[in-house]
Amino acid sequence: MKKMIFVLGAASLLAACQDVTATSTSKAIPFIAEVPEGVTSIAAPGQNLTALRIDPVDGCYTFQHVGPVETTFLPLRANNGRPICTRAS
């Protein structure tokens, strides 16, 4: 019984060391090279307009937010708080 627990514990530790970043099959969506003037004029302040992309799922703009813990993509919002999209939702 002790052997079985040891083997399961060792397998768990080895699995925890696996590099999960290399197993991602999703392709990176490139940033928009030239942001339309209409988007920059209605975007609320405090958002990173240099790292924008369009989410293929809903067609809305997202911007790269670099926080103290992680980097993530957030919806680009207009001054009225609504998301800025390329098509009607």
PDB file of N, CA and C in Angstrom:
ATOM      1  N   MET A   1       0.821  -1.191   0.000  1.00  0.00           N
ATOM      2  CA  MET A   1       0.000   0.000   0.000  1.00  0.00           C
ATOM      3  C   MET A   1       0.871   1.263   0.000  1.00  0.00           C
ATOM      4  N   LYS A   2       1.965   1.228   0.779  1.00  0.00           N
ATOM      5  CA  LYS A   2       2.849   2.388   0.841  1.00  0.00           C
ATOM      6  C   LYS A   2       3.518   2.625  -0.505  1.00  0.00           C
ATOM      7  N   LYS A   3       3.829   1.522  -1.221  1.00  0.00           N
ATOM      8  CA  LYS A   3       4.434   1.654  -2.545  1.00  0.00           C
ATOM      9  C   LYS A   3       3.498   2.359  -3.513  1.00  0.00           C
ATOM     10  N   MET A   4       2.218   2.004  -3.461  1.00  0.00           N
ATOM     11  CA  MET A   4       1.226   2.590  -4.347  1.00  0.00           C
ATOM     12  C   MET A   4       1.087   4.096  -4.084  1.00  0.00           C
ATOM     13  N   ILE A   5       1.076   4.477  -2.833  1.00  0.00           N
ATOM     14  CA  ILE A   5       0.982   5.894  -2.478  1.00  0.00           C
ATOM     15  C   ILE A   5       2.218   6.633  -2.965  1.00  0.00           C
ATOM     16  N   PHE A   6       3.390   6.024  -2.813  1.00  0.00           N
ATOM     17  CA  PHE A   6       4.622   6.641  -3.277  1.00  0.00           C
ATOM     18  C   PHE A   6       4.606   6.831  -4.792  1.00  0.00           C
ATOM     19  N   VAL A   7       4.179   5.802  -5.522  1.00  0.00           N
ATOM     20  CA  VAL A   7       4.129   5.877  -6.989  1.00  0.00           C
ATOM     21  C   VAL A   7       3.147   6.958  -7.431  1.00  0.00           C
ATOM     22  N   LEU A   8       1.980   7.024  -6.815  1.00  0.00           N
ATOM     23  CA  LEU A   8       1.004   8.058  -7.172  1.00  0.00           C
ATOM     24  C   LEU A   8       1.515   9.454  -6.838  1.00  0.00           C
ATOM     25  N   GLY A   9       2.189   9.583  -5.711  1.00  0.00           N
ATOM     26  CA  GLY A   9       2.762  10.883  -5.337  1.00  0.00           C
ATOM     27  C   GLY A   9       3.846  11.309  -6.303  1.00  0.00           C
ATOM     28  N   ALA A  10       4.705  10.383  -6.687  1.00  0.00           N
ATOM     29  CA  ALA A  10       5.781  10.697  -7.635  1.00  0.00           C
ATOM     30  C   ALA A  10       5.206  11.082  -8.995  1.00  0.00           C
ATOM     31  N   ALA A  11       4.170  10.364  -9.433  1.00  0.00           N
ATOM     32  CA  ALA A  11       3.546  10.693 -10.718  1.00  0.00           C
ATOM     33  C   ALA A  11       2.909  12.076 -10.676  1.00  0.00           C
ATOM     34  N   SER A  12       2.322  12.428  -9.550  1.00  0.00           N
ATOM     35  CA  SER A  12       1.714  13.749  -9.401  1.00  0.00           C
ATOM     36  C   SER A  12       2.765  14.846  -9.477  1.00  0.00           C
ATOM     37  N   LEU A  13       3.890  14.620  -8.825  1.00  0.00           N
ATOM     38  CA  LEU A  13       4.963  15.609  -8.852  1.00  0.00           C
ATOM     39  C   LEU A  13       5.535  15.773 -10.257  1.00  0.00           C
ATOM     40  N   LEU A  14       5.705  14.684 -10.973  1.00  0.00           N
ATOM     41  CA  LEU A  14       6.219  14.770 -12.340  1.00  0.00           C
ATOM     42  C   LEU A  14       5.229  15.472 -13.261  1.00  0.00           C
ATOM     43  N   ALA A  15       3.962  15.233 -13.071  1.00  0.00           N
ATOM     44  CA  ALA A  15       2.943  15.893 -13.892  1.00  0.00           C
ATOM     45  C   ALA A  15       2.909  17.386 -13.615  1.00  0.00           C
ATOM     46  N   ALA A  16       3.211  17.787 -12.391  1.00  0.00           N
ATOM     47  CA  ALA A  16       3.208  19.205 -12.042  1.00  0.00           C
ATOM     48  C   ALA A  16       4.355  19.947 -12.709  1.00  0.00           C
ATOM     49  N   CYS A  17       5.387  19.247 -13.122  1.00  0.00           N
ATOM     50  CA  CYS A  17       6.544  19.880 -13.755  1.00  0.00           C
ATOM     51  C   CYS A  17       6.396  20.019 -15.267  1.00  0.00           C
ATOM     52  N   GLN A  18       5.316  19.557 -15.832  1.00  0.00           N
ATOM     53  CA  GLN A  18       5.131  19.601 -17.276  1.00  0.00           C
ATOM     54  C   GLN A  18       4.986  21.043 -17.754  1.00  0.00           C
ATOM     55  N   ASP A  19       5.603  21.369 -18.874  1.00  0.00           N
ATOM     56  CA  ASP A  19       5.515  22.691 -19.467  1.00  0.00           C
ATOM     57  C   ASP A  19       4.204  22.797 -20.230  1.00  0.00           C
ATOM     58  N   VAL A  20       3.250  23.545 -19.692  1.00  0.00           N
ATOM     59  CA  VAL A  20       1.943  23.653 -20.330  1.00  0.00           C
ATOM     60  C   VAL A  20       1.895  24.773 -21.359  1.00  0.00           C
ATOM     61  N   THR A  21       2.881  25.647 -21.389  1.00  0.00           N
ATOM     62  CA  THR A  21       2.858  26.742 -22.354  1.00  0.00           C
ATOM     63  C   THR A  21       3.104  26.255 -23.768  1.00  0.00           C
ATOM     64  N   ALA A  22       3.830  25.178 -23.934  1.00  0.00           N
ATOM     65  CA  ALA A  22       4.147  24.671 -25.265  1.00  0.00           C
ATOM     66  C   ALA A  22       3.018  23.831 -25.848  1.00  0.00           C
ATOM     67  N   THR A  23       2.008  23.508 -25.058  1.00  0.00           N
ATOM     68  CA  THR A  23       0.930  22.658 -25.549  1.00  0.00           C
ATOM     69  C   THR A  23      -0.226  23.443 -26.137  1.00  0.00           C
ATOM     70  N   SER A  24      -0.157  24.743 -26.127  1.00  0.00           N
ATOM     71  CA  SER A  24      -1.245  25.561 -26.653  1.00  0.00           C
ATOM     72  C   SER A  24      -1.291  25.462 -28.175  1.00  0.00           C
ATOM     73  N   THR A  25      -2.487  25.211 -28.714  1.00  0.00           N
ATOM     74  CA  THR A  25      -2.635  25.095 -30.159  1.00  0.00           C
ATOM     75  C   THR A  25      -3.295  26.317 -30.763  1.00  0.00           C
ATOM     76  N   SER A  26      -3.712  27.277 -29.942  1.00  0.00           N
ATOM     77  CA  SER A  26      -4.377  28.457 -30.475  1.00  0.00           C
ATOM     78  C   SER A  26      -3.339  29.403 -31.087  1.00  0.00           C
ATOM     79  N   LYS A  27      -3.708  29.998 -32.207  1.00  0.00           N
ATOM     80  CA  LYS A  27      -2.812  30.938 -32.867  1.00  0.00           C
ATOM     81  C   LYS A  27      -3.031  32.326 -32.293  1.00  0.00           C
ATOM     82  N   ALA A  28      -1.960  33.073 -32.142  1.00  0.00           N
ATOM     83  CA  ALA A  28      -2.054  34.428 -31.614  1.00  0.00           C
ATOM     84  C   ALA A  28      -2.698  35.346 -32.647  1.00  0.00           C
ATOM     85  N   ILE A  29      -3.600  36.173 -32.176  1.00  0.00           N
ATOM     86  CA  ILE A  29      -4.253  37.151 -33.041  1.00  0.00           C
ATOM     87  C   ILE A  29      -3.357  38.385 -33.071  1.00  0.00           C
ATOM     88  N   PRO A  30      -2.966  38.851 -34.251  1.00  0.00           N
ATOM     89  CA  PRO A  30      -2.044  39.995 -34.320  1.00  0.00           C
ATOM     90  C   PRO A  30      -2.730  41.295 -33.896  1.00  0.00           C
ATOM     91  N   PHE A  31      -1.913  42.225 -33.434  1.00  0.00           N
ATOM     92  CA  PHE A  31      -2.426  43.547 -33.087  1.00  0.00           C
ATOM     93  C   PHE A  31      -2.780  44.316 -34.354  1.00  0.00           C
ATOM     94  N   ILE A  32      -3.695  45.252 -34.229  1.00  0.00           N
ATOM     95  CA  ILE A  32      -4.095  46.091 -35.357  1.00  0.00           C
ATOM     96  C   ILE A  32      -2.984  47.112 -35.596  1.00  0.00           C
ATOM     97  N   ALA A  33      -2.492  47.172 -36.824  1.00  0.00           N
ATOM     98  CA  ALA A  33      -1.386  48.067 -37.146  1.00  0.00           C
ATOM     99  C   ALA A  33      -1.836  49.521 -37.160  1.00  0.00           C
ATOM    100  N   GLU A  34      -2.987  49.789 -37.756  1.00  0.00           N
ATOM    101  CA  GLU A  34      -3.478  51.165 -37.856  1.00  0.00           C
ATOM    102  C   GLU A  34      -4.908  51.214 -37.323  1.00  0.00           C
ATOM    103  N   VAL A  35      -5.077  51.828 -36.164  1.00  0.00           N
ATOM    104  CA  VAL A  35      -6.391  51.921 -35.522  1.00  0.00           C
ATOM    105  C   VAL A  35      -7.212  52.995 -36.221  1.00  0.00           C
ATOM    106  N   PRO A  36      -8.463  52.695 -36.600  1.00  0.00           N
ATOM    107  CA  PRO A  36      -9.304  53.702 -37.246  1.00  0.00           C
ATOM    108  C   PRO A  36      -9.506  54.928 -36.351  1.00  0.00           C
ATOM    109  N   GLU A  37      -9.552  56.094 -36.978  1.00  0.00           N
ATOM    110  CA  GLU A  37      -9.691  57.346 -36.235  1.00  0.00           C
ATOM    111  C   GLU A  37     -10.992  57.388 -35.442  1.00  0.00           C
ATOM    112  N   GLY A  38     -12.048  56.784 -35.978  1.00  0.00           N
ATOM    113  CA  GLY A  38     -13.322  56.758 -35.276  1.00  0.00           C
ATOM    114  C   GLY A  38     -13.237  56.013 -33.955  1.00  0.00           C
ATOM    115  N   VAL A  39     -12.443  54.969 -33.928  1.00  0.00           N
ATOM    116  CA  VAL A  39     -12.278  54.190 -32.700  1.00  0.00           C
ATOM    117  C   VAL A  39     -11.510  55.003 -31.664  1.00  0.00           C
ATOM    118  N   THR A  40     -10.440  55.639 -32.069  1.00  0.00           N
ATOM    119  CA  THR A  40      -9.642  56.417 -31.120  1.00  0.00           C
ATOM    120  C   THR A  40     -10.412  57.621 -30.590  1.00  0.00           C
ATOM    121  N   SER A  41     -11.334  58.152 -31.374  1.00  0.00           N
ATOM    122  CA  SER A  41     -12.074  59.333 -30.918  1.00  0.00           C
ATOM    123  C   SER A  41     -13.155  58.996 -29.900  1.00  0.00           C
ATOM    124  N   ILE A  42     -13.697  57.767 -29.925  1.00  0.00           N
ATOM    125  CA  ILE A  42     -14.759  57.429 -28.973  1.00  0.00           C
ATOM    126  C   ILE A  42     -14.273  56.572 -27.811  1.00  0.00           C
ATOM    127  N   ALA A  43     -13.031  56.119 -27.850  1.00  0.00           N
ATOM    128  CA  ALA A  43     -12.507  55.258 -26.778  1.00  0.00           C
ATOM    129  C   ALA A  43     -12.327  56.047 -25.489  1.00  0.00           C
ATOM    130  N   ALA A  44     -12.697  55.425 -24.383  1.00  0.00           N
ATOM    131  CA  ALA A  44     -12.539  56.055 -23.077  1.00  0.00           C
ATOM    132  C   ALA A  44     -11.054  56.163 -22.737  1.00  0.00           C
ATOM    133  N   PRO A  45     -10.677  57.154 -21.945  1.00  0.00           N
ATOM    134  CA  PRO A  45      -9.266  57.294 -21.567  1.00  0.00           C
ATOM    135  C   PRO A  45      -8.810  56.162 -20.647  1.00  0.00           C
ATOM    136  N   GLY A  46      -7.491  55.956 -20.595  1.00  0.00           N
ATOM    137  CA  GLY A  46      -6.909  54.959 -19.707  1.00  0.00           C
ATOM    138  C   GLY A  46      -6.808  53.569 -20.297  1.00  0.00           C
ATOM    139  N   GLN A  47      -7.029  53.438 -21.604  1.00  0.00           N
ATOM    140  CA  GLN A  47      -6.941  52.142 -22.272  1.00  0.00           C
ATOM    141  C   GLN A  47      -5.758  52.158 -23.230  1.00  0.00           C
ATOM    142  N   ASN A  48      -5.104  51.034 -23.389  1.00  0.00           N
ATOM    143  CA  ASN A  48      -3.920  50.920 -24.236  1.00  0.00           C
ATOM    144  C   ASN A  48      -4.351  50.824 -25.705  1.00  0.00           C
ATOM    145  N   LEU A  49      -4.269  51.916 -26.420  1.00  0.00           N
ATOM    146  CA  LEU A  49      -4.674  51.935 -27.829  1.00  0.00           C
ATOM    147  C   LEU A  49      -3.550  51.506 -28.766  1.00  0.00           C
ATOM    148  N   THR A  50      -2.387  51.179 -28.222  1.00  0.00           N
ATOM    149  CA  THR A  50      -1.281  50.724 -29.065  1.00  0.00           C
ATOM    150  C   THR A  50      -1.276  49.206 -29.219  1.00  0.00           C
ATOM    151  N   ALA A  51      -2.081  48.496 -28.428  1.00  0.00           N
ATOM    152  CA  ALA A  51      -2.128  47.036 -28.494  1.00  0.00           C
ATOM    153  C   ALA A  51      -3.579  46.584 -28.600  1.00  0.00           C
ATOM    154  N   LEU A  52      -4.189  46.864 -29.754  1.00  0.00           N
ATOM    155  CA  LEU A  52      -5.590  46.507 -29.993  1.00  0.00           C
ATOM    156  C   LEU A  52      -5.684  45.326 -30.938  1.00  0.00           C
ATOM    157  N   ARG A  53      -6.726  44.555 -30.757  1.00  0.00           N
ATOM    158  CA  ARG A  53      -7.061  43.496 -31.712  1.00  0.00           C
ATOM    159  C   ARG A  53      -8.572  43.294 -31.676  1.00  0.00           C
ATOM    160  N   ILE A  54      -9.083  42.577 -32.672  1.00  0.00           N
ATOM    161  CA  ILE A  54     -10.512  42.305 -32.742  1.00  0.00           C
ATOM    162  C   ILE A  54     -10.736  40.858 -32.337  1.00  0.00           C
ATOM    163  N   ASP A  55     -11.624  40.661 -31.374  1.00  0.00           N
ATOM    164  CA  ASP A  55     -11.958  39.314 -30.910  1.00  0.00           C
ATOM    165  C   ASP A  55     -12.766  38.614 -31.999  1.00  0.00           C
ATOM    166  N   PRO A  56     -12.311  37.480 -32.523  1.00  0.00           N
ATOM    167  CA  PRO A  56     -13.023  36.808 -33.615  1.00  0.00           C
ATOM    168  C   PRO A  56     -14.377  36.239 -33.191  1.00  0.00           C
ATOM    169  N   VAL A  57     -14.601  36.066 -31.899  1.00  0.00           N
ATOM    170  CA  VAL A  57     -15.857  35.497 -31.425  1.00  0.00           C
ATOM    171  C   VAL A  57     -17.004  36.495 -31.545  1.00  0.00           C
ATOM    172  N   ASP A  58     -16.799  37.723 -31.063  1.00  0.00           N
ATOM    173  CA  ASP A  58     -17.890  38.697 -31.055  1.00  0.00           C
ATOM    174  C   ASP A  58     -17.636  39.921 -31.937  1.00  0.00           C
ATOM    175  N   GLY A  59     -16.452  40.054 -32.501  1.00  0.00           N
ATOM    176  CA  GLY A  59     -16.162  41.173 -33.387  1.00  0.00           C
ATOM    177  C   GLY A  59     -15.889  42.475 -32.665  1.00  0.00           C
ATOM    178  N   CYS A  60     -15.655  42.428 -31.367  1.00  0.00           N
ATOM    179  CA  CYS A  60     -15.394  43.643 -30.587  1.00  0.00           C
ATOM    180  C   CYS A  60     -13.890  43.853 -30.401  1.00  0.00           C
ATOM    181  N   TYR A  61     -13.514  45.118 -30.256  1.00  0.00           N
ATOM    182  CA  TYR A  61     -12.117  45.453 -30.013  1.00  0.00           C
ATOM    183  C   TYR A  61     -11.741  45.067 -28.588  1.00  0.00           C
ATOM    184  N   THR A  62     -10.525  44.560 -28.424  1.00  0.00           N
ATOM    185  CA  THR A  62      -9.964  44.295 -27.105  1.00  0.00           C
ATOM    186  C   THR A  62      -8.588  44.950 -27.051  1.00  0.00           C
ATOM    187  N   PHE A  63      -8.187  45.350 -25.843  1.00  0.00           N
ATOM    188  CA  PHE A  63      -6.864  45.942 -25.684  1.00  0.00           C
ATOM    189  C   PHE A  63      -6.080  45.150 -24.660  1.00  0.00           C
ATOM    190  N   GLN A  64      -4.770  45.186 -24.795  1.00  0.00           N
ATOM    191  CA  GLN A  64      -3.897  44.449 -23.897  1.00  0.00           C
ATOM    192  C   GLN A  64      -3.675  45.263 -22.626  1.00  0.00           C
ATOM    193  N   HIS A  65      -4.083  44.689 -21.493  1.00  0.00           N
ATOM    194  CA  HIS A  65      -3.882  45.317 -20.186  1.00  0.00           C
ATOM    195  C   HIS A  65      -2.764  44.581 -19.475  1.00  0.00           C
ATOM    196  N   VAL A  66      -1.724  45.312 -19.129  1.00  0.00           N
ATOM    197  CA  VAL A  66      -0.588  44.725 -18.425  1.00  0.00           C
ATOM    198  C   VAL A  66      -0.716  45.119 -16.966  1.00  0.00           C
ATOM    199  N   GLY A  67      -1.087  44.156 -16.136  1.00  0.00           N
ATOM    200  CA  GLY A  67      -1.254  44.393 -14.710  1.00  0.00           C
ATOM    201  C   GLY A  67      -0.045  43.937 -13.925  1.00  0.00           C
ATOM    202  N   PRO A  68      -0.100  44.098 -12.595  1.00  0.00           N
ATOM    203  CA  PRO A  68       1.041  43.708 -11.769  1.00  0.00           C
ATOM    204  C   PRO A  68       1.228  42.190 -11.686  1.00  0.00           C
ATOM    205  N   VAL A  69       0.180  41.417 -11.960  1.00  0.00           N
ATOM    206  CA  VAL A  69       0.259  39.973 -11.844  1.00  0.00           C
ATOM    207  C   VAL A  69       0.212  39.282 -13.195  1.00  0.00           C
ATOM    208  N   GLU A  70      -0.668  39.749 -14.084  1.00  0.00           N
ATOM    209  CA  GLU A  70      -0.843  39.081 -15.368  1.00  0.00           C
ATOM    210  C   GLU A  70      -1.132  40.077 -16.477  1.00  0.00           C
ATOM    211  N   THR A  71      -0.946  39.629 -17.692  1.00  0.00           N
ATOM    212  CA  THR A  71      -1.298  40.400 -18.872  1.00  0.00           C
ATOM    213  C   THR A  71      -2.513  39.736 -19.491  1.00  0.00           C
ATOM    214  N   THR A  72      -3.553  40.525 -19.745  1.00  0.00           N
ATOM    215  CA  THR A  72      -4.793  39.976 -20.270  1.00  0.00           C
ATOM    216  C   THR A  72      -5.412  40.950 -21.269  1.00  0.00           C
ATOM    217  N   PHE A  73      -6.402  40.482 -22.011  1.00  0.00           N
ATOM    218  CA  PHE A  73      -7.107  41.335 -22.950  1.00  0.00           C
ATOM    219  C   PHE A  73      -8.473  41.686 -22.385  1.00  0.00           C
ATOM    220  N   LEU A  74      -8.787  42.974 -22.405  1.00  0.00           N
ATOM    221  CA  LEU A  74     -10.052  43.483 -21.895  1.00  0.00           C
ATOM    222  C   LEU A  74     -10.814  44.140 -23.038  1.00  0.00           C
ATOM    223  N   PRO A  75     -12.142  44.211 -22.945  1.00  0.00           N
ATOM    224  CA  PRO A  75     -12.915  44.879 -23.991  1.00  0.00           C
ATOM    225  C   PRO A  75     -12.605  46.372 -24.032  1.00  0.00           C
ATOM    226  N   LEU A  76     -12.444  46.890 -25.230  1.00  0.00           N
ATOM    227  CA  LEU A  76     -12.240  48.322 -25.406  1.00  0.00           C
ATOM    228  C   LEU A  76     -13.585  49.001 -25.218  1.00  0.00           C
ATOM    229  N   ARG A  77     -13.653  49.984 -24.337  1.00  0.00           N
ATOM    230  CA  ARG A  77     -14.909  50.644 -23.999  1.00  0.00           C
ATOM    231  C   ARG A  77     -14.934  52.076 -24.516  1.00  0.00           C
ATOM    232  N   ALA A  78     -16.141  52.519 -24.881  1.00  0.00           N
ATOM    233  CA  ALA A  78     -16.354  53.905 -25.291  1.00  0.00           C
ATOM    234  C   ALA A  78     -16.547  54.756 -24.038  1.00  0.00           C
ATOM    235  N   ASN A  79     -16.651  56.054 -24.221  1.00  0.00           N
ATOM    236  CA  ASN A  79     -16.846  56.967 -23.101  1.00  0.00           C
ATOM    237  C   ASN A  79     -18.123  56.661 -22.320  1.00  0.00           C
ATOM    238  N   ASN A  80     -19.137  56.103 -22.981  1.00  0.00           N
ATOM    239  CA  ASN A  80     -20.392  55.779 -22.305  1.00  0.00           C
ATOM    240  C   ASN A  80     -20.364  54.404 -21.635  1.00  0.00           C
ATOM    241  N   GLY A  81     -19.239  53.676 -21.718  1.00  0.00           N
ATOM    242  CA  GLY A  81     -19.089  52.395 -21.054  1.00  0.00           C
ATOM    243  C   GLY A  81     -19.416  51.180 -21.924  1.00  0.00           C
ATOM    244  N   ARG A  82     -19.940  51.392 -23.093  1.00  0.00           N
ATOM    245  CA  ARG A  82     -20.271  50.272 -23.978  1.00  0.00           C
ATOM    246  C   ARG A  82     -19.032  49.784 -24.715  1.00  0.00           C
ATOM    247  N   PRO A  83     -18.999  48.485 -25.047  1.00  0.00           N
ATOM    248  CA  PRO A  83     -17.865  47.977 -25.827  1.00  0.00           C
ATOM    249  C   PRO A  83     -17.910  48.496 -27.269  1.00  0.00           C
ATOM    250  N   ILE A  84     -16.742  48.667 -27.848  1.00  0.00           N
ATOM    251  CA  ILE A  84     -16.626  49.131 -29.225  1.00  0.00           C
ATOM    252  C   ILE A  84     -16.469  47.897 -30.109  1.00  0.00           C
ATOM    253  N   CYS A  85     -17.431  47.689 -31.013  1.00  0.00           N
ATOM    254  CA  CYS A  85     -17.446  46.497 -31.858  1.00  0.00           C
ATOM    255  C   CYS A  85     -17.467  46.862 -33.334  1.00  0.00           C
ATOM    256  N   THR A  86     -17.059  45.907 -34.168  1.00  0.00           N
ATOM    257  CA  THR A  86     -17.057  46.118 -35.609  1.00  0.00           C
ATOM    258  C   THR A  86     -18.388  45.729 -36.239  1.00  0.00           C
ATOM    259  N   ARG A  87     -19.212  44.992 -35.483  1.00  0.00           N
ATOM    260  CA  ARG A  87     -20.526  44.604 -35.975  1.00  0.00           C
ATOM    261  C   ARG A  87     -21.513  44.634 -34.815  1.00  0.00           C
ATOM    262  N   ALA A  88     -22.788  44.728 -35.136  1.00  0.00           N
ATOM    263  CA  ALA A  88     -23.821  44.780 -34.095  1.00  0.00           C
ATOM    264  C   ALA A  88     -23.916  43.442 -33.380  1.00  0.00           C
ATOM    265  N   SER A  89     -24.076  43.493 -32.063  1.00  0.00           N
ATOM    266  CA  SER A  89     -24.161  42.238 -31.296  1.00  0.00           C
ATOM    267  C   SER A  89     -25.600  41.776 -31.141  1.00  0.00           C
TER     268      SER A  89
END
